[in-house]
C-alpha atoms as a PDB file:
ATOM      1  CA  UNK A   1     110.509 127.407 116.672  1.00  0.00           C
ATOM      2  CA  UNK A   2     110.226 128.972 113.211  1.00  0.00           C
ATOM      3  CA  UNK A   3     113.982 129.207 113.065  1.00  0.00           C
ATOM      4  CA  UNK A   4     114.265 125.542 114.077  1.00  0.00           C
ATOM      5  CA  UNK A   5     112.018 124.476 111.218  1.00  0.00           C
ATOM      6  CA  UNK A   6     113.986 126.554 108.760  1.00  0.00           C
ATOM      7  CA  UNK A   7     111.530 129.397 108.295  1.00  0.00           C
ATOM      8  CA  UNK A   8     114.041 131.375 106.265  1.00  0.00           C
ATOM      9  CA  UNK A   9     113.681 134.776 104.767  1.00  0.00           C
ATOM     10  CA  UNK A  10     112.317 134.874 101.255  1.00  0.00           C
ATOM     11  CA  UNK A  11     115.822 135.652 100.001  1.00  0.00           C
ATOM     12  CA  UNK A  12     116.217 131.900  99.471  1.00  0.00           C
ATOM     13  CA  UNK A  13     115.136 130.532  96.131  1.00  0.00           C
ATOM     14  CA  UNK A  14     111.774 128.823  96.566  1.00  0.00           C
ATOM     15  CA  UNK A  15     111.581 125.368  95.036  1.00  0.00           C
ATOM     16  CA  UNK A  16     107.872 124.559  95.403  1.00  0.00           C
ATOM     17  CA  UNK A  17     107.250 121.231  97.142  1.00  0.00           C
ATOM     18  CA  UNK A  18     104.728 119.177  95.163  1.00  0.00           C
ATOM     19  CA  UNK A  19     102.962 115.947  95.995  1.00  0.00           C
ATOM     20  CA  UNK A  20     101.535 113.557  93.431  1.00  0.00           C
ATOM     21  CA  UNK A  21      97.939 112.586  94.244  1.00  0.00           C
ATOM     22  CA  UNK A  22      96.752 109.357  92.543  1.00  0.00           C
ATOM     23  CA  UNK A  23      93.322 108.735  91.033  1.00  0.00           C
ATOM     24  CA  UNK A  24      90.239 108.973  93.248  1.00  0.00           C
ATOM     25  CA  UNK A  25      89.535 105.224  93.187  1.00  0.00           C
ATOM     26  CA  UNK A  26      93.076 104.551  94.398  1.00  0.00           C
ATOM     27  CA  UNK A  27      92.756 107.126  97.207  1.00  0.00           C
ATOM     28  CA  UNK A  28      89.493 105.660  98.527  1.00  0.00           C
ATOM     29  CA  UNK A  29      90.780 102.096  98.151  1.00  0.00           C
ATOM     30  CA  UNK A  30      93.858 103.037 100.158  1.00  0.00           C
ATOM     31  CA  UNK A  31      91.675 104.651 102.822  1.00  0.00           C
ATOM     32  CA  UNK A  32      89.434 101.577 103.046  1.00  0.00           C
ATOM     33  CA  UNK A  33      92.367  99.179 103.225  1.00  0.00           C
ATOM     34  CA  UNK A  34      94.018 101.317 105.911  1.00  0.00           C
ATOM     35  CA  UNK A  35      90.837 101.208 108.030  1.00  0.00           C
ATOM     36  CA  UNK A  36      90.495  97.461 107.444  1.00  0.00           C
ATOM     37  CA  UNK A  37      94.151  96.958 108.346  1.00  0.00           C
ATOM     38  CA  UNK A  38      93.701  98.821 111.630  1.00  0.00           C
ATOM     39  CA  UNK A  39      90.711  96.676 112.614  1.00  0.00           C
ATOM     40  CA  UNK A  40      91.947  93.219 111.627  1.00  0.00           C
ATOM     41  CA  UNK A  41      95.520  93.740 112.840  1.00  0.00           C
ATOM     42  CA  UNK A  42      94.190  94.858 116.222  1.00  0.00           C
ATOM     43  CA  UNK A  43      92.221  91.605 116.392  1.00  0.00           C
ATOM     44  CA  UNK A  44      95.320  89.605 115.420  1.00  0.00           C
ATOM     45  CA  UNK A  45      97.467  91.317 118.052  1.00  0.00           C
ATOM     46  CA  UNK A  46      94.902  90.802 120.832  1.00  0.00           C
ATOM     47  CA  UNK A  47      94.516  87.090 120.008  1.00  0.00           C
ATOM     48  CA  UNK A  48      98.186  86.280 119.357  1.00  0.00           C
ATOM     49  CA  UNK A  49      99.373  88.001 122.541  1.00  0.00           C
ATOM     50  CA  UNK A  50      97.079  86.067 124.853  1.00  0.00           C
ATOM     51  CA  UNK A  51      99.255  84.274 127.431  1.00  0.00           C
ATOM     52  CA  UNK A  52      98.374  80.801 126.105  1.00  0.00           C
ATOM     53  CA  UNK A  53      99.212  81.817 122.516  1.00  0.00           C
ATOM     54  CA  UNK A  54     102.519  83.562 123.128  1.00  0.00           C
ATOM     55  CA  UNK A  55     105.475  82.031 121.292  1.00  0.00           C
ATOM     56  CA  UNK A  56     108.456  83.669 119.569  1.00  0.00           C
ATOM     57  CA  UNK A  57     106.608  83.309 116.244  1.00  0.00           C
ATOM     58  CA  UNK A  58     103.313  84.823 117.433  1.00  0.00           C
ATOM     59  CA  UNK A  59     105.170  87.700 119.116  1.00  0.00           C
ATOM     60  CA  UNK A  60     106.935  88.426 115.834  1.00  0.00           C
ATOM     61  CA  UNK A  61     103.667  88.147 113.902  1.00  0.00           C
ATOM     62  CA  UNK A  62     102.007  90.566 116.332  1.00  0.00           C
ATOM     63  CA  UNK A  63     104.831  93.056 115.944  1.00  0.00           C
ATOM     64  CA  UNK A  64     104.578  92.649 112.169  1.00  0.00           C
ATOM     65  CA  UNK A  65     100.828  93.301 112.292  1.00  0.00           C
ATOM     66  CA  UNK A  66     101.405  96.474 114.324  1.00  0.00           C
ATOM     67  CA  UNK A  67     104.120  97.795 112.002  1.00  0.00           C
ATOM     68  CA  UNK A  68     102.007  97.012 108.920  1.00  0.00           C
ATOM     69  CA  UNK A  69      99.121  98.970 110.412  1.00  0.00           C
ATOM     70  CA  UNK A  70     101.380 101.920 111.276  1.00  0.00           C
ATOM     71  CA  UNK A  71     102.735 101.852 107.723  1.00  0.00           C
ATOM     72  CA  UNK A  72      99.329 101.873 106.039  1.00  0.00           C
ATOM     73  CA  UNK A  73      97.592 104.608 108.063  1.00  0.00           C
ATOM     74  CA  UNK A  74     100.091 107.543 107.913  1.00  0.00           C
ATOM     75  CA  UNK A  75     101.086 106.833 104.296  1.00  0.00           C
ATOM     76  CA  UNK A  76      97.633 107.402 102.809  1.00  0.00           C
ATOM     77  CA  UNK A  77      96.604 110.381 104.952  1.00  0.00           C
ATOM     78  CA  UNK A  78      98.205 113.151 102.803  1.00  0.00           C
ATOM     79  CA  UNK A  79      96.481 111.842  99.646  1.00  0.00           C
ATOM     80  CA  UNK A  80      93.093 111.530 101.308  1.00  0.00           C
ATOM     81  CA  UNK A  81      93.280 114.949 102.986  1.00  0.00           C
ATOM     82  CA  UNK A  82      94.492 116.628  99.789  1.00  0.00           C
ATOM     83  CA  UNK A  83      91.647 115.149  97.739  1.00  0.00           C
ATOM     84  CA  UNK A  84      88.912 115.884 100.295  1.00  0.00           C
ATOM     85  CA  UNK A  85      89.975 119.301 101.621  1.00  0.00           C
ATOM     86  CA  UNK A  86      92.234 120.778  98.923  1.00  0.00           C
ATOM     87  CA  UNK A  87      90.626 119.509  95.726  1.00  0.00           C
ATOM     88  CA  UNK A  88      90.401 123.029  94.244  1.00  0.00           C
ATOM     89  CA  UNK A  89      94.173 123.426  94.616  1.00  0.00           C
ATOM     90  CA  UNK A  90      95.002 120.236  92.715  1.00  0.00           C
ATOM     91  CA  UNK A  91      96.408 120.458  89.216  1.00  0.00           C
ATOM     92  CA  UNK A  92      95.693 117.683  86.719  1.00  0.00           C
ATOM     93  CA  UNK A  93      98.758 115.600  85.914  1.00  0.00           C
ATOM     94  CA  UNK A  94      98.828 115.910  82.138  1.00  0.00           C
ATOM     95  CA  UNK A  95     101.708 113.491  81.659  1.00  0.00           C
ATOM     96  CA  UNK A  96     100.409 110.580  83.747  1.00  0.00           C
ATOM     97  CA  UNK A  97      98.965 107.419  82.234  1.00  0.00           C
ATOM     98  CA  UNK A  98      96.910 106.450  85.285  1.00  0.00           C
ATOM     99  CA  UNK A  99      95.277 109.759  86.139  1.00  0.00           C
ATOM    100  CA  UNK A 100      95.935 111.852  89.208  1.00  0.00           C
ATOM    101  CA  UNK A 101      96.866 115.355  90.229  1.00  0.00           C
ATOM    102  CA  UNK A 102      99.809 117.403  91.395  1.00  0.00           C
ATOM    103  CA  UNK A 103      99.342 119.276  94.675  1.00  0.00           C
ATOM    104  CA  UNK A 104     101.524 122.361  95.285  1.00  0.00           C
ATOM    105  CA  UNK A 105     101.851 121.931  99.033  1.00  0.00           C
ATOM    106  CA  UNK A 106     101.364 124.675 101.589  1.00  0.00           C
ATOM    107  CA  UNK A 107     103.986 125.190 104.266  1.00  0.00           C
ATOM    108  CA  UNK A 108     101.430 124.572 107.015  1.00  0.00           C
ATOM    109  CA  UNK A 109     100.700 121.185 105.420  1.00  0.00           C
ATOM    110  CA  UNK A 110     104.097 119.942 104.324  1.00  0.00           C
ATOM    111  CA  UNK A 111     105.690 120.299 107.791  1.00  0.00           C
ATOM    112  CA  UNK A 112     103.017 117.827 108.969  1.00  0.00           C
ATOM    113  CA  UNK A 113     102.901 115.449 106.012  1.00  0.00           C
ATOM    114  CA  UNK A 114     106.663 115.093 105.664  1.00  0.00           C
ATOM    115  CA  UNK A 115     106.961 113.553 109.171  1.00  0.00           C
ATOM    116  CA  UNK A 116     103.940 111.338 108.430  1.00  0.00           C
ATOM    117  CA  UNK A 117     105.611 110.116 105.265  1.00  0.00           C
ATOM    118  CA  UNK A 118     108.844 109.409 107.138  1.00  0.00           C
ATOM    119  CA  UNK A 119     106.937 107.605 109.891  1.00  0.00           C
ATOM    120  CA  UNK A 120     105.372 105.371 107.261  1.00  0.00           C
ATOM    121  CA  UNK A 121     108.797 104.693 105.712  1.00  0.00           C
ATOM    122  CA  UNK A 122     110.180 103.880 109.150  1.00  0.00           C
ATOM    123  CA  UNK A 123     107.483 101.363 110.042  1.00  0.00           C
ATOM    124  CA  UNK A 124     107.710  99.829 106.581  1.00  0.00           C
ATOM    125  CA  UNK A 125     111.424  99.331 107.241  1.00  0.00           C
ATOM    126  CA  UNK A 126     110.554  97.722 110.590  1.00  0.00           C
ATOM    127  CA  UNK A 127     108.092  95.401 108.798  1.00  0.00           C
ATOM    128  CA  UNK A 128     110.827  94.391 106.373  1.00  0.00           C
ATOM    129  CA  UNK A 129     113.243  93.683 109.249  1.00  0.00           C
ATOM    130  CA  UNK A 130     110.622  91.631 111.114  1.00  0.00           C
ATOM    131  CA  UNK A 131     109.832  89.590 108.003  1.00  0.00           C
ATOM    132  CA  UNK A 132     113.537  88.804 107.615  1.00  0.00           C
ATOM    133  CA  UNK A 133     113.693  87.916 111.307  1.00  0.00           C
ATOM    134  CA  UNK A 134     110.684  85.590 110.965  1.00  0.00           C
ATOM    135  CA  UNK A 135     112.362  83.721 108.125  1.00  0.00           C
ATOM    136  CA  UNK A 136     115.733  83.452 109.852  1.00  0.00           C
ATOM    137  CA  UNK A 137     114.041  82.220 113.026  1.00  0.00           C
ATOM    138  CA  UNK A 138     112.155  79.538 111.106  1.00  0.00           C
ATOM    139  CA  UNK A 139     115.244  78.445 109.169  1.00  0.00           C
ATOM    140  CA  UNK A 140     117.182  78.059 112.433  1.00  0.00           C
ATOM    141  CA  UNK A 141     114.238  76.242 114.051  1.00  0.00           C
ATOM    142  CA  UNK A 142     114.047  73.731 111.204  1.00  0.00           C
ATOM    143  CA  UNK A 143     117.790  73.211 111.073  1.00  0.00           C
ATOM    144  CA  UNK A 144     118.495  73.217 114.821  1.00  0.00           C
ATOM    145  CA  UNK A 145     115.185  72.474 116.593  1.00  0.00           C
ATOM    146  CA  UNK A 146     116.691  71.503 119.962  1.00  0.00           C
ATOM    147  CA  UNK A 147     118.969  74.555 120.124  1.00  0.00           C
ATOM    148  CA  UNK A 148     116.052  76.789 119.189  1.00  0.00           C
ATOM    149  CA  UNK A 149     113.884  75.359 121.973  1.00  0.00           C
ATOM    150  CA  UNK A 150     116.646  76.009 124.524  1.00  0.00           C
ATOM    151  CA  UNK A 151     117.862  79.430 123.377  1.00  0.00           C
ATOM    152  CA  UNK A 152     115.093  81.227 121.471  1.00  0.00           C
ATOM    153  CA  UNK A 153     112.367  82.406 123.836  1.00  0.00           C
ATOM    154  CA  UNK A 154     109.799  85.142 124.189  1.00  0.00           C
ATOM    155  CA  UNK A 155     112.108  87.516 126.075  1.00  0.00           C
ATOM    156  CA  UNK A 156     114.914  87.291 123.528  1.00  0.00           C
ATOM    157  CA  UNK A 157     112.414  87.834 120.693  1.00  0.00           C
ATOM    158  CA  UNK A 158     110.968  90.943 122.366  1.00  0.00           C
ATOM    159  CA  UNK A 159     114.500  92.251 122.977  1.00  0.00           C
ATOM    160  CA  UNK A 160     115.437  91.965 119.290  1.00  0.00           C
ATOM    161  CA  UNK A 161     112.149  93.602 118.215  1.00  0.00           C
ATOM    162  CA  UNK A 162     112.761  96.458 120.642  1.00  0.00           C
ATOM    163  CA  UNK A 163     116.318  96.895 119.334  1.00  0.00           C
ATOM    164  CA  UNK A 164     115.097  97.066 115.722  1.00  0.00           C
ATOM    165  CA  UNK A 165     112.442  99.594 116.723  1.00  0.00           C
ATOM    166  CA  UNK A 166     114.926 101.854 118.556  1.00  0.00           C
ATOM    167  CA  UNK A 167     117.467 101.831 115.703  1.00  0.00           C
ATOM    168  CA  UNK A 168     114.957 102.523 112.920  1.00  0.00           C
ATOM    169  CA  UNK A 169     112.984 105.167 114.846  1.00  0.00           C
ATOM    170  CA  UNK A 170     116.194 106.979 115.825  1.00  0.00           C
ATOM    171  CA  UNK A 171     117.350 107.159 112.207  1.00  0.00           C
ATOM    172  CA  UNK A 172     113.943 108.271 110.916  1.00  0.00           C
ATOM    173  CA  UNK A 173     113.654 110.917 113.661  1.00  0.00           C
ATOM    174  CA  UNK A 174     117.044 112.347 112.678  1.00  0.00           C
ATOM    175  CA  UNK A 175     116.099 112.406 108.990  1.00  0.00           C
ATOM    176  CA  UNK A 176     112.731 114.042 109.752  1.00  0.00           C
ATOM    177  CA  UNK A 177     114.209 116.822 111.894  1.00  0.00           C
ATOM    178  CA  UNK A 178     116.899 117.470 109.287  1.00  0.00           C
ATOM    179  CA  UNK A 179     114.456 117.533 106.365  1.00  0.00           C
ATOM    180  CA  UNK A 180     111.971 119.771 108.177  1.00  0.00           C
ATOM    181  CA  UNK A 181     114.800 122.172 108.954  1.00  0.00           C
ATOM    182  CA  UNK A 182     115.415 122.619 105.225  1.00  0.00           C
ATOM    183  CA  UNK A 183     111.816 123.648 104.477  1.00  0.00           C
ATOM    184  CA  UNK A 184     110.748 127.268 104.648  1.00  0.00           C
ATOM    185  CA  UNK A 185     107.655 129.336 104.085  1.00  0.00           C
ATOM    186  CA  UNK A 186     107.371 131.139 100.770  1.00  0.00           C
ATOM    187  CA  UNK A 187     104.828 133.586  99.424  1.00  0.00           C
ATOM    188  CA  UNK A 188     101.154 132.702  99.978  1.00  0.00           C
ATOM    189  CA  UNK A 189     102.170 129.991 102.467  1.00  0.00           C
ATOM    190  CA  UNK A 190     103.980 128.010  99.756  1.00  0.00           C
ATOM    191  CA  UNK A 191     106.079 125.116 101.022  1.00  0.00           C
ATOM    192  CA  UNK A 192     109.586 125.739  99.756  1.00  0.00           C
ATOM    193  CA  UNK A 193     112.836 123.857 100.029  1.00  0.00           C
ATOM    194  CA  UNK A 194     116.344 124.909  99.177  1.00  0.00           C
ATOM    195  CA  UNK A 195     118.951 123.064  97.195  1.00  0.00           C
ATOM    196  CA  UNK A 196     120.197 121.452 100.395  1.00  0.00           C
ATOM    197  CA  UNK A 197     117.186 119.097 100.406  1.00  0.00           C
ATOM    198  CA  UNK A 198     118.880 117.276  97.537  1.00  0.00           C
ATOM    199  CA  UNK A 199     122.178 117.254  99.357  1.00  0.00           C
ATOM    200  CA  UNK A 200     124.452 114.225  99.234  1.00  0.00           C
ATOM    201  CA  UNK A 201     123.439 112.967 102.685  1.00  0.00           C
ATOM    202  CA  UNK A 202     119.800 112.640 101.543  1.00  0.00           C
ATOM    203  CA  UNK A 203     120.769 110.753  98.418  1.00  0.00           C
ATOM    204  CA  UNK A 204     123.121 108.517 100.389  1.00  0.00           C
ATOM    205  CA  UNK A 205     120.438 107.771 102.986  1.00  0.00           C
ATOM    206  CA  UNK A 206     117.730 107.000 100.407  1.00  0.00           C
ATOM    207  CA  UNK A 207     120.074 104.857  98.331  1.00  0.00           C
ATOM    208  CA  UNK A 208     121.292 102.969 101.406  1.00  0.00           C
ATOM    209  CA  UNK A 209     117.757 102.365 102.692  1.00  0.00           C
ATOM    210  CA  UNK A 210     116.570 101.184  99.271  1.00  0.00           C
ATOM    211  CA  UNK A 211     119.508  98.808  98.970  1.00  0.00           C
ATOM    212  CA  UNK A 212     118.922  97.424 102.464  1.00  0.00           C
ATOM    213  CA  UNK A 213     115.290  96.670 101.603  1.00  0.00           C
ATOM    214  CA  UNK A 214     116.195  95.087  98.259  1.00  0.00           C
ATOM    215  CA  UNK A 215     118.774  92.820  99.904  1.00  0.00           C
ATOM    216  CA  UNK A 216     116.267  92.034 102.666  1.00  0.00           C
ATOM    217  CA  UNK A 217     113.740  90.920 100.046  1.00  0.00           C
ATOM    218  CA  UNK A 218     116.451  88.759  98.463  1.00  0.00           C
ATOM    219  CA  UNK A 219     117.216  87.273 101.885  1.00  0.00           C
ATOM    220  CA  UNK A 220     113.527  86.517 102.465  1.00  0.00           C
ATOM    221  CA  UNK A 221     113.370  84.838  99.055  1.00  0.00           C
ATOM    222  CA  UNK A 222     116.362  82.602  99.849  1.00  0.00           C
ATOM    223  CA  UNK A 223     115.044  81.702 103.317  1.00  0.00           C
ATOM    224  CA  UNK A 224     111.603  80.926 101.882  1.00  0.00           C
ATOM    225  CA  UNK A 225     113.130  78.690  99.229  1.00  0.00           C
ATOM    226  CA  UNK A 226     115.118  76.886 101.922  1.00  0.00           C
ATOM    227  CA  UNK A 227     112.073  76.394 104.147  1.00  0.00           C
ATOM    228  CA  UNK A 228     110.071  75.021 101.212  1.00  0.00           C
ATOM    229  CA  UNK A 229     112.898  72.674 100.322  1.00  0.00           C
ATOM    230  CA  UNK A 230     113.163  71.461 103.925  1.00  0.00           C
ATOM    231  CA  UNK A 231     109.445  70.825 104.256  1.00  0.00           C
ATOM    232  CA  UNK A 232     109.243  69.144 100.873  1.00  0.00           C
ATOM    233  CA  UNK A 233     112.296  66.872 100.909  1.00  0.00           C
ATOM    234  CA  UNK A 234     113.662  66.435 104.413  1.00  0.00           C
ATOM    235  CA  UNK A 235     111.466  64.789 107.040  1.00  0.00           C
ATOM    236  CA  UNK A 236     114.414  65.034 109.434  1.00  0.00           C
ATOM    237  CA  UNK A 237     113.940  68.786 109.596  1.00  0.00           C
ATOM    238  CA  UNK A 238     111.253  67.962 112.163  1.00  0.00           C
ATOM    239  CA  UNK A 239     112.547  65.687 114.922  1.00  0.00           C
ATOM    240  CA  UNK A 240     111.212  62.167 115.051  1.00  0.00           C
ATOM    241  CA  UNK A 241     110.609  62.437 118.767  1.00  0.00           C
ATOM    242  CA  UNK A 242     107.823  64.913 118.264  1.00  0.00           C
ATOM    243  CA  UNK A 243     104.260  63.662 118.424  1.00  0.00           C
ATOM    244  CA  UNK A 244     101.975  64.056 115.391  1.00  0.00           C
ATOM    245  CA  UNK A 245     100.251  67.109 116.860  1.00  0.00           C
ATOM    246  CA  UNK A 246     103.603  68.874 117.377  1.00  0.00           C
ATOM    247  CA  UNK A 247     104.670  67.949 113.834  1.00  0.00           C
ATOM    248  CA  UNK A 248     101.503  69.404 112.345  1.00  0.00           C
ATOM    249  CA  UNK A 249     101.909  72.535 114.438  1.00  0.00           C
ATOM    250  CA  UNK A 250     105.516  72.992 113.287  1.00  0.00           C
ATOM    251  CA  UNK A 251     104.610  72.455 109.643  1.00  0.00           C
ATOM    252  CA  UNK A 252     101.640  74.803 109.878  1.00  0.00           C
ATOM    253  CA  UNK A 253     103.844  77.491 111.446  1.00  0.00           C
ATOM    254  CA  UNK A 254     106.439  77.069 108.686  1.00  0.00           C
ATOM    255  CA  UNK A 255     103.747  77.195 106.008  1.00  0.00           C
ATOM    256  CA  UNK A 256     102.380  80.461 107.443  1.00  0.00           C
ATOM    257  CA  UNK A 257     105.868  81.973 107.226  1.00  0.00           C
ATOM    258  CA  UNK A 258     106.209  80.777 103.608  1.00  0.00           C
ATOM    259  CA  UNK A 259     102.856  82.276 102.558  1.00  0.00           C
ATOM    260  CA  UNK A 260     103.551  85.568 104.348  1.00  0.00           C
ATOM    261  CA  UNK A 261     106.953  85.738 102.676  1.00  0.00           C
ATOM    262  CA  UNK A 262     105.520  85.113  99.210  1.00  0.00           C
ATOM    263  CA  UNK A 263     102.998  87.928  99.709  1.00  0.00           C
ATOM    264  CA  UNK A 264     105.762  90.160 101.069  1.00  0.00           C
ATOM    265  CA  UNK A 265     107.983  89.548  98.030  1.00  0.00           C
ATOM    266  CA  UNK A 266     105.135  90.211  95.590  1.00  0.00           C
ATOM    267  CA  UNK A 267     104.103  93.411  97.374  1.00  0.00           C
ATOM    268  CA  UNK A 268     107.680  94.719  97.238  1.00  0.00           C
ATOM    269  CA  UNK A 269     108.104  94.200  93.478  1.00  0.00           C
ATOM    270  CA  UNK A 270     107.103  97.790  92.682  1.00  0.00           C
ATOM    271  CA  UNK A 271     109.618  99.058  95.247  1.00  0.00           C
ATOM    272  CA  UNK A 272     112.387  96.903  93.765  1.00  0.00           C
ATOM    273  CA  UNK A 273     111.581  98.135  90.256  1.00  0.00           C
ATOM    274  CA  UNK A 274     111.734 101.742  91.441  1.00  0.00           C
ATOM    275  CA  UNK A 275     115.046 101.161  93.209  1.00  0.00           C
ATOM    276  CA  UNK A 276     116.564  99.655  90.073  1.00  0.00           C
ATOM    277  CA  UNK A 277     115.061 102.405  87.939  1.00  0.00           C
ATOM    278  CA  UNK A 278     116.499 105.153  90.152  1.00  0.00           C
ATOM    279  CA  UNK A 279     119.920 103.552  90.291  1.00  0.00           C
ATOM    280  CA  UNK A 280     122.481 104.571  87.725  1.00  0.00           C
ATOM    281  CA  UNK A 281     122.802 101.025  86.452  1.00  0.00           C
ATOM    282  CA  UNK A 282     120.071 101.488  83.832  1.00  0.00           C
ATOM    283  CA  UNK A 283     118.451 104.493  82.118  1.00  0.00           C
ATOM    284  CA  UNK A 284     115.439 105.872  83.980  1.00  0.00           C
ATOM    285  CA  UNK A 285     112.102 104.639  82.607  1.00  0.00           C
ATOM    286  CA  UNK A 286     109.375 107.255  83.323  1.00  0.00           C
ATOM    287  CA  UNK A 287     106.616 104.633  83.104  1.00  0.00           C
ATOM    288  CA  UNK A 288     108.053 102.765  86.101  1.00  0.00           C
ATOM    289  CA  UNK A 289     108.008 105.961  88.155  1.00  0.00           C
ATOM    290  CA  UNK A 290     104.373 106.586  87.195  1.00  0.00           C
ATOM    291  CA  UNK A 291     103.391 103.038  88.138  1.00  0.00           C
ATOM    292  CA  UNK A 292     105.078 103.341  91.528  1.00  0.00           C
ATOM    293  CA  UNK A 293     103.559 106.749  92.268  1.00  0.00           C
ATOM    294  CA  UNK A 294     100.089 105.297  91.733  1.00  0.00           C
ATOM    295  CA  UNK A 295     100.298 101.692  92.911  1.00  0.00           C
ATOM    296  CA  UNK A 296     103.239 101.062  95.274  1.00  0.00           C
ATOM    297  CA  UNK A 297     101.390 101.989  98.481  1.00  0.00           C
ATOM    298  CA  UNK A 298      98.333 100.119  97.257  1.00  0.00           C
ATOM    299  CA  UNK A 299     100.403  96.972  96.704  1.00  0.00           C
ATOM    300  CA  UNK A 300     101.693  97.187 100.285  1.00  0.00           C
ATOM    301  CA  UNK A 301      98.179  97.567 101.673  1.00  0.00           C
ATOM    302  CA  UNK A 302      96.841  94.649  99.640  1.00  0.00           C
ATOM    303  CA  UNK A 303      99.687  92.572 101.066  1.00  0.00           C
ATOM    304  CA  UNK A 304      98.783  93.632 104.620  1.00  0.00           C
ATOM    305  CA  UNK A 305      95.164  92.561 104.018  1.00  0.00           C
ATOM    306  CA  UNK A 306      96.184  89.206 102.548  1.00  0.00           C
ATOM    307  CA  UNK A 307      98.264  88.536 105.669  1.00  0.00           C
ATOM    308  CA  UNK A 308      95.059  88.489 107.712  1.00  0.00           C
ATOM    309  CA  UNK A 309      93.478  86.057 105.239  1.00  0.00           C
ATOM    310  CA  UNK A 310      96.421  83.715 105.816  1.00  0.00           C
ATOM    311  CA  UNK A 311      96.075  84.005 109.588  1.00  0.00           C
ATOM    312  CA  UNK A 312      92.381  83.249 109.242  1.00  0.00           C
ATOM    313  CA  UNK A 313      92.929  80.182 107.033  1.00  0.00           C
ATOM    314  CA  UNK A 314      95.805  78.722 109.024  1.00  0.00           C
ATOM    315  CA  UNK A 315      94.741  79.516 112.602  1.00  0.00           C
ATOM    316  CA  UNK A 316      91.817  77.505 113.909  1.00  0.00           C
ATOM    317  CA  UNK A 317      91.984  79.422 117.186  1.00  0.00           C
ATOM    318  CA  UNK A 318      91.537  82.724 115.364  1.00  0.00           C
ATOM    319  CA  UNK A 319      88.597  81.358 113.371  1.00  0.00           C
ATOM    320  CA  UNK A 320      86.879  80.021 116.488  1.00  0.00           C
ATOM    321  CA  UNK A 321      87.286  83.303 118.381  1.00  0.00           C
ATOM    322  CA  UNK A 322      85.906  85.365 115.490  1.00  0.00           C
ATOM    323  CA  UNK A 323      83.075  82.875 115.003  1.00  0.00           C
ATOM    324  CA  UNK A 324      82.140  83.098 118.688  1.00  0.00           C
ATOM    325  CA  UNK A 325      82.309  86.895 118.579  1.00  0.00           C
ATOM    326  CA  UNK A 326      79.996  87.256 115.578  1.00  0.00           C
ATOM    327  CA  UNK A 327      77.591  84.609 116.907  1.00  0.00           C
ATOM    328  CA  UNK A 328      77.368  86.466 120.217  1.00  0.00           C
ATOM    329  CA  UNK A 329      76.895  89.759 118.356  1.00  0.00           C
ATOM    330  CA  UNK A 330      74.130  88.307 116.195  1.00  0.00           C
ATOM    331  CA  UNK A 331      72.456  86.703 119.215  1.00  0.00           C
ATOM    332  CA  UNK A 332      72.570  90.029 121.068  1.00  0.00           C
ATOM    333  CA  UNK A 333      70.906  91.857 118.162  1.00  0.00           C
ATOM    334  CA  UNK A 334      68.313  89.115 117.838  1.00  0.00           C
ATOM    335  CA  UNK A 335      67.425  89.164 121.526  1.00  0.00           C
ATOM    336  CA  UNK A 336      67.052  92.963 121.700  1.00  0.00           C
ATOM    337  CA  UNK A 337      63.772  93.204 119.746  1.00  0.00           C
ATOM    338  CA  UNK A 338      62.416  90.183 121.653  1.00  0.00           C
ATOM    339  CA  UNK A 339      63.086  91.955 124.946  1.00  0.00           C
ATOM    340  CA  UNK A 340      61.394  95.089 123.642  1.00  0.00           C
ATOM    341  CA  UNK A 341      58.398  92.999 122.544  1.00  0.00           C
ATOM    342  CA  UNK A 342      58.093  91.330 125.944  1.00  0.00           C
ATOM    343  CA  UNK A 343      58.369  94.723 127.611  1.00  0.00           C
ATOM    344  CA  UNK A 344      55.488  96.160 125.613  1.00  0.00           C
ATOM    345  CA  UNK A 345      53.476  93.003 126.220  1.00  0.00           C
ATOM    346  CA  UNK A 346      53.849  93.399 129.977  1.00  0.00           C
ATOM    347  CA  UNK A 347      52.828  97.056 129.718  1.00  0.00           C
ATOM    348  CA  UNK A 348      49.766  96.061 127.698  1.00  0.00           C
ATOM    349  CA  UNK A 349      48.766  93.444 130.280  1.00  0.00           C
ATOM    350  CA  UNK A 350      49.103  95.951 133.094  1.00  0.00           C
ATOM    351  CA  UNK A 351      47.029  98.454 131.174  1.00  0.00           C
ATOM    352  CA  UNK A 352      44.245  95.922 130.555  1.00  0.00           C
ATOM    353  CA  UNK A 353      44.238  95.022 134.265  1.00  0.00           C
ATOM    354  CA  UNK A 354      43.704  98.638 135.246  1.00  0.00           C
ATOM    355  CA  UNK A 355      40.941  98.994 132.690  1.00  0.00           C
END
């Protein structure tokens, strides 16, 4: 197993693996948003996947909620663990403008956190693909409503989601195994990597993935602009044969997609800036790298949280279910002391009878 993970002899030159740890307020904000994302996205998935609520759009939104949650949780774990359990090992980042530390990783830690980081990247890629799919589906539905009703169903939507999942997970698994194989244990459990970690295949993969995401964001922007134009100028985008309730439902669904897409585009701005900055088209600007190291994950998590706000505003069903849940919870807490009071009253009456 050690040989599989590249536990080489110390003859190899040890390039110490280091992880940038952002400021404490960013770490705890990320942790809180990750916990909030897990809770609210679970609620969204449970409600949207009820049999009466299942449509191609709600299935896609549920898958998006799951991938957002699985992006947020693994991504922030190394920062939180490093700050809480390895604070004494952190070195102050003297060149940063936003505070933070540099953590010289241990081998026992980096072989765990590298897969977590790749898992987060993988599910973020899935979220990007699902957002593109949501927009394309809505564009087709507005342009060809009858064809969409006949050909786009729940089974076909699940099949495409499953295909995206298999492709992305397979690629990320291959990258993770390959990267872990290039790490080795140095002196004092230092996490070391050889020159091969910067090999051409890694650069090609990272560049390709970054370009795919940038073009996906551009595609979402174009689809969102088209949907807005359709809803604003062309009443024929919704068939005249539909009743008013169906028209409102279609418009509300399209508006949800537009709002989600706007939040998605804004949350990816840091990523786009980093991709452009790391390309060879322009000189590298260190400030952009510092901004991304501190705030890129946070911008994603804020976007995930705002998605739930949109669901809450636009979905009356979701609001009613949450309202009923909290009313029942409050009623249960209110009745508990009353029951205890009545119990003690009955005990007191019995005692007075015996006396």
